[in-house]
N, C-alpha and C. Protein backbone atom coordinates (compact mmCIF):
# COMPACT_ATOMS: atom_id res chain seq x y z
N UNK A 1 82.52 143.66 103.34
CA UNK A 1 83.57 143.42 102.17
C UNK A 1 84.38 144.74 102.66
N UNK A 2 85.27 144.42 102.83
CA UNK A 2 86.71 145.59 102.42
C UNK A 2 86.82 146.09 101.49
N UNK A 3 86.93 147.43 101.09
CA UNK A 3 87.37 148.83 99.79
C UNK A 3 88.24 148.77 100.64
N UNK A 4 89.81 149.29 99.79
CA UNK A 4 90.89 150.38 100.34
C UNK A 4 90.21 151.42 99.36
N UNK A 5 90.50 152.53 99.48
CA UNK A 5 90.27 154.02 98.59
C UNK A 5 91.58 154.24 98.62
N UNK A 6 92.45 154.54 97.74
CA UNK A 6 94.10 154.84 97.26
C UNK A 6 93.95 156.69 97.51
N UNK A 7 92.87 157.02 98.69
CA UNK A 7 93.22 158.53 98.87
C UNK A 7 92.23 158.96 100.11
N UNK A 8 93.26 160.04 100.90
CA UNK A 8 92.55 160.30 102.27
C UNK A 8 91.62 161.42 101.79
N UNK A 9 91.60 161.94 100.58
CA UNK A 9 90.72 162.89 99.92
C UNK A 9 88.96 162.23 100.43
N UNK A 10 88.55 162.96 101.53
CA UNK A 10 86.99 162.83 101.88
C UNK A 10 86.02 162.34 100.59
N UNK A 11 85.91 163.85 99.64
CA UNK A 11 85.00 163.55 98.57
C UNK A 11 85.39 161.82 97.50
N UNK A 12 86.55 161.93 98.00
CA UNK A 12 86.95 160.25 97.11
C UNK A 12 86.30 158.80 97.94
N UNK A 13 86.82 159.08 99.13
CA UNK A 13 86.52 158.49 100.35
C UNK A 13 84.90 158.01 100.44
N UNK A 14 83.89 158.76 100.46
CA UNK A 14 82.61 158.88 100.53
C UNK A 14 81.72 158.44 99.38
N UNK A 15 82.55 158.98 98.09
CA UNK A 15 82.05 158.25 96.61
C UNK A 15 82.15 157.10 96.51
N UNK A 16 83.47 156.58 96.78
CA UNK A 16 83.35 155.06 97.48
C UNK A 16 82.69 153.84 97.86
N UNK A 17 82.38 154.91 99.07
CA UNK A 17 81.96 154.34 100.14
C UNK A 17 80.41 154.33 100.06
N UNK A 18 79.31 155.60 99.04
CA UNK A 18 78.48 155.45 98.34
C UNK A 18 78.41 154.17 97.14
N UNK A 19 78.79 154.14 96.44
CA UNK A 19 79.34 153.24 95.63
C UNK A 19 78.39 152.08 95.72
N UNK A 20 79.36 152.03 96.86
CA UNK A 20 79.46 150.65 96.93
C UNK A 20 78.58 149.72 98.01
N UNK A 21 78.02 150.68 98.40
CA UNK A 21 77.11 150.28 99.50
C UNK A 21 75.48 150.47 98.39
N UNK A 22 75.53 151.09 97.27
CA UNK A 22 74.42 150.76 96.20
C UNK A 22 74.60 149.56 95.90
N UNK A 23 75.91 149.19 94.90
CA UNK A 23 76.10 148.22 94.54
C UNK A 23 75.86 146.84 95.07
N UNK A 24 76.66 146.68 96.17
CA UNK A 24 76.12 145.88 97.15
C UNK A 24 75.53 145.91 97.98
N UNK A 25 74.38 146.23 98.23
CA UNK A 25 73.45 146.20 99.17
C UNK A 25 73.54 145.39 100.48
N UNK A 26 73.54 144.37 99.69
CA UNK A 26 73.24 143.28 101.18
C UNK A 26 75.14 143.07 101.72
N UNK A 27 75.71 144.05 101.24
CA UNK A 27 76.82 143.47 102.17
C UNK A 27 77.20 144.95 103.09
N UNK A 28 78.04 144.65 104.27
CA UNK A 28 78.59 145.32 105.20
C UNK A 28 79.30 145.93 104.35
N UNK A 29 80.02 147.57 104.38
CA UNK A 29 81.26 148.03 103.65
C UNK A 29 81.57 148.37 104.85
N UNK A 30 82.83 148.50 104.64
CA UNK A 30 84.11 148.77 105.31
C UNK A 30 85.03 149.56 104.47
N UNK A 31 84.99 150.65 104.76
CA UNK A 31 86.04 151.79 104.03
C UNK A 31 87.76 151.69 104.51
N UNK A 32 88.21 151.73 103.99
CA UNK A 32 89.71 151.97 104.75
C UNK A 32 91.02 153.07 103.57
N UNK A 33 90.69 154.23 103.95
CA UNK A 33 91.64 155.00 103.64
C UNK A 33 92.73 155.31 103.12
N UNK A 34 93.88 154.89 102.09
CA UNK A 34 95.60 154.65 102.00
C UNK A 34 96.08 156.14 101.51
N UNK A 35 96.94 156.77 101.81
CA UNK A 35 97.48 157.17 100.87
C UNK A 35 98.41 156.76 100.18
N UNK A 36 98.68 156.83 98.79
CA UNK A 36 99.15 155.96 97.82
C UNK A 36 99.25 156.73 96.30
N UNK A 37 100.50 156.46 96.26
CA UNK A 37 101.39 157.31 95.27
C UNK A 37 101.05 157.31 93.76
N UNK A 38 100.93 158.18 93.15
CA UNK A 38 100.41 158.17 91.72
C UNK A 38 101.71 158.32 90.67
N UNK A 39 102.63 158.53 91.13
CA UNK A 39 103.86 158.39 90.31
C UNK A 39 103.99 159.23 88.92
N UNK A 40 102.70 160.04 89.15
CA UNK A 40 102.88 160.96 88.05
C UNK A 40 102.68 161.81 88.16
N UNK A 41 102.09 163.23 87.38
CA UNK A 41 102.50 164.61 87.95
C UNK A 41 101.12 164.77 88.85
N UNK A 42 101.81 165.81 89.81
CA UNK A 42 100.67 166.47 90.46
C UNK A 42 99.36 167.19 90.11
N UNK A 43 99.88 167.27 88.52
CA UNK A 43 98.18 167.33 87.81
C UNK A 43 98.62 166.85 86.37
N UNK A 44 97.73 165.52 86.56
CA UNK A 44 98.06 164.60 84.67
C UNK A 44 97.55 165.76 83.33
N UNK A 45 98.35 165.91 82.56
CA UNK A 45 98.00 166.52 81.27
C UNK A 45 97.63 165.66 80.57
N UNK A 46 97.13 164.69 80.51
CA UNK A 46 96.67 163.85 79.50
C UNK A 46 96.13 162.60 79.86
N UNK A 47 95.12 161.89 78.66
CA UNK A 47 94.43 160.57 79.17
C UNK A 47 95.25 159.68 79.69
N UNK A 48 96.49 159.23 79.04
CA UNK A 48 97.32 158.35 79.56
C UNK A 48 97.74 158.40 80.74
N UNK A 49 98.62 159.27 80.74
CA UNK A 49 99.13 160.01 82.62
C UNK A 49 98.33 159.73 83.42
N UNK A 50 96.75 160.31 82.97
CA UNK A 50 95.92 160.59 84.27
C UNK A 50 95.17 158.92 84.64
N UNK A 51 95.60 157.71 83.65
CA UNK A 51 94.71 156.37 83.84
C UNK A 51 96.17 155.87 84.35
N UNK A 52 97.44 156.30 84.06
CA UNK A 52 98.65 155.62 84.86
C UNK A 52 98.96 155.72 86.26
N UNK A 53 97.95 157.14 86.04
CA UNK A 53 98.16 158.05 87.97
C UNK A 53 97.19 156.69 89.26
N UNK A 54 95.85 156.45 88.39
CA UNK A 54 94.79 155.61 89.12
C UNK A 54 95.76 154.10 89.21
N UNK A 55 95.88 153.58 87.95
CA UNK A 55 96.42 152.20 88.42
C UNK A 55 97.38 152.27 88.97
N UNK A 56 98.65 152.73 88.90
CA UNK A 56 99.98 152.82 90.09
C UNK A 56 99.21 153.04 91.67
N UNK A 57 98.17 153.56 92.25
CA UNK A 57 97.66 153.78 93.03
C UNK A 57 96.74 152.71 93.24
N UNK A 58 96.20 152.10 92.59
CA UNK A 58 95.55 150.80 92.83
C UNK A 58 96.59 149.87 93.23
N UNK A 59 97.97 149.92 92.36
CA UNK A 59 98.90 148.68 92.77
C UNK A 59 99.28 148.49 93.97
N UNK A 60 99.82 150.09 94.30
CA UNK A 60 100.33 150.41 95.44
C UNK A 60 99.68 149.83 96.50
N UNK A 61 98.44 150.00 96.53
CA UNK A 61 97.21 149.68 97.48
C UNK A 61 97.50 147.46 97.51
N UNK A 62 97.28 147.26 96.61
CA UNK A 62 97.39 146.09 96.65
C UNK A 62 99.03 145.44 96.61
N UNK A 63 99.88 146.02 96.39
CA UNK A 63 101.06 145.36 96.92
C UNK A 63 101.12 145.81 98.76
N UNK A 64 100.48 146.13 99.25
CA UNK A 64 100.64 146.70 100.51
C UNK A 64 99.13 146.87 101.64
N UNK A 65 98.17 146.35 101.10
CA UNK A 65 96.97 145.91 102.21
C UNK A 65 96.02 144.36 101.16
N UNK A 66 95.43 144.39 102.08
CA UNK A 66 94.62 143.12 101.55
C UNK A 66 92.92 143.87 101.89
N UNK A 67 92.26 143.90 100.46
CA UNK A 67 91.30 143.91 100.78
C UNK A 67 90.22 143.21 99.60
N UNK A 68 88.56 143.17 99.68
CA UNK A 68 87.67 142.90 98.30
C UNK A 68 88.13 143.67 96.93
N UNK A 69 87.74 144.46 97.35
CA UNK A 69 88.08 145.78 96.11
C UNK A 69 89.65 146.80 96.94
N UNK A 70 90.08 147.61 95.43
CA UNK A 70 90.64 148.60 95.91
C UNK A 70 90.33 149.56 94.84
N UNK A 71 89.80 150.96 94.70
CA UNK A 71 89.45 151.82 94.47
C UNK A 71 90.41 153.34 94.04
N UNK A 72 91.13 153.28 93.26
CA UNK A 72 91.69 155.23 93.01
C UNK A 72 90.86 156.20 92.24
N UNK A 73 91.12 157.07 92.52
CA UNK A 73 90.75 158.48 91.07
C UNK A 73 91.10 159.41 90.82
N UNK A 74 92.07 159.35 89.83
CA UNK A 74 92.65 160.26 89.19
C UNK A 74 92.22 161.40 88.58
N UNK A 75 92.35 162.62 88.89
CA UNK A 75 91.94 163.78 88.10
C UNK A 75 92.46 164.19 87.47
N UNK A 76 92.26 163.92 85.76
CA UNK A 76 93.21 164.67 84.97
C UNK A 76 92.27 166.00 83.82
N UNK A 77 92.94 166.07 83.24
CA UNK A 77 92.68 167.33 82.19
C UNK A 77 93.84 167.13 81.20
N UNK A 78 93.01 166.91 79.67
CA UNK A 78 93.03 166.97 78.76
C UNK A 78 92.38 167.82 77.03
N UNK A 79 92.84 167.92 76.44
CA UNK A 79 92.08 168.55 75.27
C UNK A 79 91.26 167.29 74.26
N UNK A 80 89.83 167.34 74.46
CA UNK A 80 89.05 166.36 74.39
C UNK A 80 88.30 167.17 72.85
N UNK A 81 87.98 166.96 72.06
CA UNK A 81 87.56 167.20 70.75
C UNK A 81 87.89 168.87 70.24
N UNK A 82 88.89 168.98 70.92
CA UNK A 82 89.44 170.53 70.82
C UNK A 82 88.96 171.94 71.77
N UNK A 83 88.74 171.26 72.97
CA UNK A 83 88.27 171.54 74.23
C UNK A 83 89.32 171.03 75.17
N UNK A 84 89.60 171.87 76.11
CA UNK A 84 90.25 171.92 77.23
C UNK A 84 89.27 171.50 78.30
N UNK A 85 89.65 170.28 78.61
CA UNK A 85 88.55 169.13 79.61
C UNK A 85 88.94 169.06 80.82
N UNK A 86 88.32 168.92 81.95
CA UNK A 86 88.48 167.94 82.68
C UNK A 86 87.85 166.68 83.41
N UNK A 87 88.36 165.59 83.86
CA UNK A 87 87.61 164.70 83.90
C UNK A 87 88.44 163.97 85.10
N UNK A 88 87.95 162.22 85.54
CA UNK A 88 88.48 161.55 86.18
C UNK A 88 88.28 160.18 85.66
N UNK A 89 89.62 159.50 86.24
CA UNK A 89 89.95 158.22 85.67
C UNK A 89 89.54 157.31 87.26
N UNK A 90 88.82 156.66 86.97
CA UNK A 90 88.56 155.59 88.27
C UNK A 90 88.75 154.31 87.69
N UNK A 91 89.92 153.81 89.16
CA UNK A 91 90.63 152.39 88.87
C UNK A 91 90.05 151.00 89.84
N UNK A 92 89.45 150.56 89.19
CA UNK A 92 88.90 149.20 90.28
C UNK A 92 89.52 147.91 90.27
N UNK A 93 89.84 147.49 91.05
CA UNK A 93 90.53 146.00 91.34
C UNK A 93 90.16 145.31 92.33
N UNK A 94 90.04 143.89 92.02
CA UNK A 94 89.99 142.84 93.11
C UNK A 94 91.48 141.95 92.49
N UNK A 95 91.08 140.56 93.19
CA UNK A 95 92.26 139.96 93.26
C UNK A 95 92.77 139.18 92.40
N UNK A 96 91.63 139.43 91.15
CA UNK A 96 91.74 138.68 89.61
C UNK A 96 91.92 139.83 88.20
N UNK A 97 91.23 140.93 88.88
CA UNK A 97 91.03 141.87 87.64
C UNK A 97 91.16 142.98 88.22
N UNK A 98 91.65 143.98 86.55
CA UNK A 98 91.18 145.36 87.26
C UNK A 98 90.43 146.01 85.95
N UNK A 99 89.92 147.40 86.08
CA UNK A 99 89.06 147.71 84.93
C UNK A 99 89.25 149.12 85.48
N UNK A 100 89.18 150.08 84.43
CA UNK A 100 88.99 151.49 84.22
C UNK A 100 87.70 152.35 84.13
N UNK A 101 87.62 153.41 84.45
CA UNK A 101 86.64 153.98 83.79
C UNK A 101 86.31 155.60 83.53
N UNK A 102 86.07 156.25 82.88
CA UNK A 102 85.97 157.44 82.90
C UNK A 102 84.66 158.50 83.81
N UNK A 103 85.28 159.46 84.38
CA UNK A 103 83.83 160.20 84.26
C UNK A 103 83.63 160.77 83.46
N UNK A 104 82.58 161.87 83.42
CA UNK A 104 81.86 162.71 82.34
C UNK A 104 83.19 164.03 82.95
N UNK A 105 83.29 164.40 81.60
CA UNK A 105 84.66 165.57 81.31
C UNK A 105 83.21 167.00 81.35
N UNK A 106 84.43 167.82 81.79
CA UNK A 106 83.52 169.07 81.92
C UNK A 106 84.53 170.17 81.28
N UNK A 107 83.96 170.82 80.71
CA UNK A 107 84.73 171.76 79.55
C UNK A 107 85.35 172.80 80.82
N UNK A 108 86.84 173.22 80.53
CA UNK A 108 87.10 174.62 81.43
C UNK A 108 87.64 175.65 80.77
N UNK A 109 87.41 176.73 81.76
CA UNK A 109 88.54 178.05 81.15
C UNK A 109 89.80 177.78 80.79
N UNK A 110 89.54 178.98 79.72
CA UNK A 110 91.17 179.33 78.77
C UNK A 110 91.64 179.70 79.74
N UNK A 111 91.42 180.37 80.87
CA UNK A 111 92.58 180.54 81.18
C UNK A 111 92.90 179.67 82.55
N UNK A 112 91.87 178.85 82.71
CA UNK A 112 92.63 177.49 83.77
C UNK A 112 93.36 176.66 83.24
N UNK A 113 93.35 176.53 82.03
CA UNK A 113 93.58 175.93 81.37
C UNK A 113 95.10 175.82 81.29
N UNK A 114 94.84 177.81 80.39
CA UNK A 114 96.79 177.91 80.57
C UNK A 114 97.70 177.83 81.81
N UNK A 115 96.51 178.23 82.73
CA UNK A 115 97.93 178.05 84.37
C UNK A 115 97.69 176.32 84.50
N UNK A 116 97.08 175.83 84.04
CA UNK A 116 97.43 174.33 84.31
C UNK A 116 98.62 173.98 83.30
N UNK A 117 98.80 174.30 81.93
CA UNK A 117 99.66 174.28 81.03
C UNK A 117 100.84 174.91 81.92
N UNK A 118 100.69 175.91 83.04
CA UNK A 118 102.14 176.11 83.49
C UNK A 118 102.80 175.77 84.42
N UNK A 119 101.83 174.26 84.93
CA UNK A 119 102.31 173.41 86.13
C UNK A 119 101.05 173.71 87.42
N UNK A 120 100.46 174.56 87.51
CA UNK A 120 99.49 174.72 87.95
C UNK A 120 98.26 173.54 88.34
N UNK A 121 98.04 173.25 89.70
CA UNK A 121 97.40 171.96 89.79
C UNK A 121 95.82 172.50 89.62
N UNK A 122 94.66 172.00 89.35
CA UNK A 122 93.64 172.52 89.03
C UNK A 122 93.12 172.82 90.66
N UNK A 123 92.78 172.41 91.57
CA UNK A 123 92.40 172.87 92.46
C UNK A 123 92.44 174.58 93.21
N UNK A 124 93.89 174.17 93.14
CA UNK A 124 94.39 175.54 93.69
C UNK A 124 94.45 176.55 92.48
N UNK A 125 94.38 176.77 91.28
CA UNK A 125 93.84 177.40 90.06
C UNK A 125 92.63 178.23 90.60
N UNK A 126 91.82 176.93 90.44
CA UNK A 126 90.13 177.10 91.14
C UNK A 126 89.91 178.14 92.06
N UNK A 127 90.83 177.67 93.32
CA UNK A 127 90.22 178.40 94.20
C UNK A 127 90.94 179.85 94.19
N UNK A 128 92.21 180.06 93.47
CA UNK A 128 92.41 181.95 92.92
C UNK A 128 91.32 182.37 92.23
N UNK A 129 90.76 181.64 90.91
CA UNK A 129 90.05 182.14 90.23
C UNK A 129 88.45 182.53 91.34
N UNK A 130 88.26 181.06 91.68
CA UNK A 130 86.72 181.63 92.46
C UNK A 130 86.79 182.16 93.85
N UNK A 131 87.91 182.28 94.47
CA UNK A 131 88.01 183.16 96.18
C UNK A 131 87.61 181.77 97.01
N UNK A 132 87.55 180.42 96.78
CA UNK A 132 87.97 179.49 97.52
C UNK A 132 88.81 179.06 98.45
N UNK A 133 88.69 177.69 99.24
CA UNK A 133 89.48 177.58 99.53
C UNK A 133 89.43 175.92 99.59
N UNK A 134 90.12 175.48 99.09
CA UNK A 134 90.23 174.25 98.86
C UNK A 134 89.20 173.15 98.32
N UNK A 135 88.87 173.77 97.16
CA UNK A 135 87.66 173.04 96.47
C UNK A 135 87.73 172.09 96.33
N UNK A 136 88.84 171.44 95.89
CA UNK A 136 89.32 169.77 95.41
C UNK A 136 88.48 168.97 96.89
N UNK A 137 88.35 169.18 97.40
CA UNK A 137 87.60 168.64 99.25
C UNK A 137 86.38 168.55 99.07
N UNK A 138 85.73 169.64 98.01
CA UNK A 138 84.63 169.68 98.35
C UNK A 138 83.50 169.53 96.59
N UNK A 139 83.41 170.75 96.41
CA UNK A 139 82.23 169.91 95.34
C UNK A 139 83.30 170.15 93.76
N UNK A 140 84.55 170.59 94.17
CA UNK A 140 85.88 170.63 93.31
C UNK A 140 85.35 171.70 91.86
N UNK A 141 86.05 171.64 91.23
CA UNK A 141 85.74 172.64 89.60
C UNK A 141 84.43 172.36 88.98
N UNK A 142 84.05 171.10 89.14
CA UNK A 142 82.28 170.55 88.51
C UNK A 142 81.03 171.66 89.59
N UNK A 143 81.62 171.40 90.53
CA UNK A 143 80.72 171.72 91.63
C UNK A 143 80.19 172.85 91.24
N UNK A 144 81.88 173.84 91.04
CA UNK A 144 81.79 175.57 90.92
C UNK A 144 81.24 175.72 89.48
N UNK A 145 81.63 175.03 88.69
CA UNK A 145 81.64 175.45 87.31
C UNK A 145 79.82 175.13 87.17
N UNK A 146 79.36 174.33 87.54
CA UNK A 146 77.72 173.96 87.31
C UNK A 146 77.08 174.65 88.06
N UNK A 147 77.36 174.93 88.79
CA UNK A 147 76.26 175.96 89.76
C UNK A 147 75.87 174.68 91.09
N UNK A 148 76.32 173.78 91.28
CA UNK A 148 76.06 173.14 92.31
C UNK A 148 75.69 171.71 91.71
N UNK A 149 74.89 172.22 89.83
CA UNK A 149 73.72 170.80 89.66
C UNK A 149 74.56 169.32 89.77
N UNK A 150 76.17 169.29 89.25
CA UNK A 150 77.00 168.14 89.42
C UNK A 150 78.20 168.68 90.35
N UNK A 151 78.61 167.57 91.22
CA UNK A 151 79.83 167.72 91.86
C UNK A 151 80.80 166.88 91.26
N UNK A 152 81.74 166.92 92.19
CA UNK A 152 83.10 166.01 92.15
C UNK A 152 82.29 164.80 92.32
N UNK A 153 81.35 165.02 93.47
CA UNK A 153 80.98 162.98 94.70
C UNK A 153 80.23 162.66 93.54
N UNK A 154 79.35 163.50 93.04
CA UNK A 154 78.17 163.01 91.97
C UNK A 154 78.89 161.92 90.37
N UNK A 155 79.87 162.92 90.34
CA UNK A 155 80.39 161.91 89.03
C UNK A 155 81.31 160.92 89.24
N UNK A 156 81.82 161.03 90.58
CA UNK A 156 82.63 159.58 90.62
C UNK A 156 81.71 158.31 91.21
N UNK A 157 80.50 158.70 91.70
CA UNK A 157 79.54 158.18 92.13
C UNK A 157 79.17 156.95 90.85
N UNK A 158 78.87 157.91 89.56
CA UNK A 158 78.41 157.53 88.31
C UNK A 158 79.81 157.01 87.74
N UNK A 159 80.65 157.14 87.98
CA UNK A 159 81.91 156.52 86.79
C UNK A 159 82.47 155.28 87.34
N UNK A 160 82.35 155.40 89.12
CA UNK A 160 82.67 154.28 89.80
C UNK A 160 81.47 153.16 89.75
N UNK A 161 80.16 153.06 89.43
CA UNK A 161 78.87 152.04 89.40
C UNK A 161 79.34 151.83 87.86
N UNK A 162 79.55 152.56 86.65
CA UNK A 162 79.35 151.77 85.29
C UNK A 162 81.34 150.89 85.67
N UNK A 163 81.76 151.58 86.26
CA UNK A 163 83.34 150.81 85.84
C UNK A 163 82.90 149.36 86.59
N UNK A 164 81.65 149.69 87.86
CA UNK A 164 81.75 148.27 88.92
C UNK A 164 81.04 147.15 87.68
N UNK A 165 80.75 147.94 86.79
CA UNK A 165 79.78 146.44 85.48
C UNK A 165 81.04 145.67 85.49
N UNK A 166 81.99 145.14 85.08
CA UNK A 166 82.46 144.40 84.76
C UNK A 166 83.01 143.78 85.81
N UNK A 167 82.66 143.98 86.98
CA UNK A 167 82.70 143.17 88.02
C UNK A 167 81.53 142.52 88.42
N UNK A 168 80.60 143.21 87.97
CA UNK A 168 79.29 142.15 87.31
C UNK A 168 79.09 141.34 87.11
N UNK A 169 79.58 141.47 85.78
CA UNK A 169 79.54 140.03 84.45
C UNK A 169 80.90 139.68 84.47
N UNK A 170 81.71 139.39 84.87
CA UNK A 170 83.11 139.11 84.63
C UNK A 170 83.24 138.29 83.80
N UNK A 171 82.58 137.19 83.33
CA UNK A 171 82.14 136.35 81.47
C UNK A 171 82.82 137.54 80.01
N UNK A 172 81.78 138.77 80.74
CA UNK A 172 81.73 139.18 79.56
C UNK A 172 82.81 140.34 79.30
N UNK A 173 83.61 140.49 80.00
CA UNK A 173 84.68 141.74 80.22
C UNK A 173 85.95 140.90 80.17
């Protein structure tokens, strides 16, 4: 089974690999990473913009590559229930359907949110605050703010498996 991941970020690639290996344990999984444009802001600041970025990345891959499944992850920020939060939208498509899902949300410190509103991206803002380097390709803000109890990878895997449910039961979705 060939999976195209719309990113060269190792966290996203490994999350897709682990998710599909779990979901399709009886298949050999081949994962190809592709740079795919989101066509949205570097740091999406709404649910719609975040979803659009994930869908745009998958559509780009569908137009330029052949695979059984296409997967993208787009990290976003929004104010949810009056709390500045971060999350990611996962988008999965095959030849006949496209499905999106969302990770769990993580509340953001106000000083981080203020930097994001001024145009900074979450990863670099977190690196500045916690004196880390390239946190987005490691545990992410989630790993940092949960003291490693959750990571960017762990929530991507969970969201990917949940989003795949529409492919397991296509007659229901």
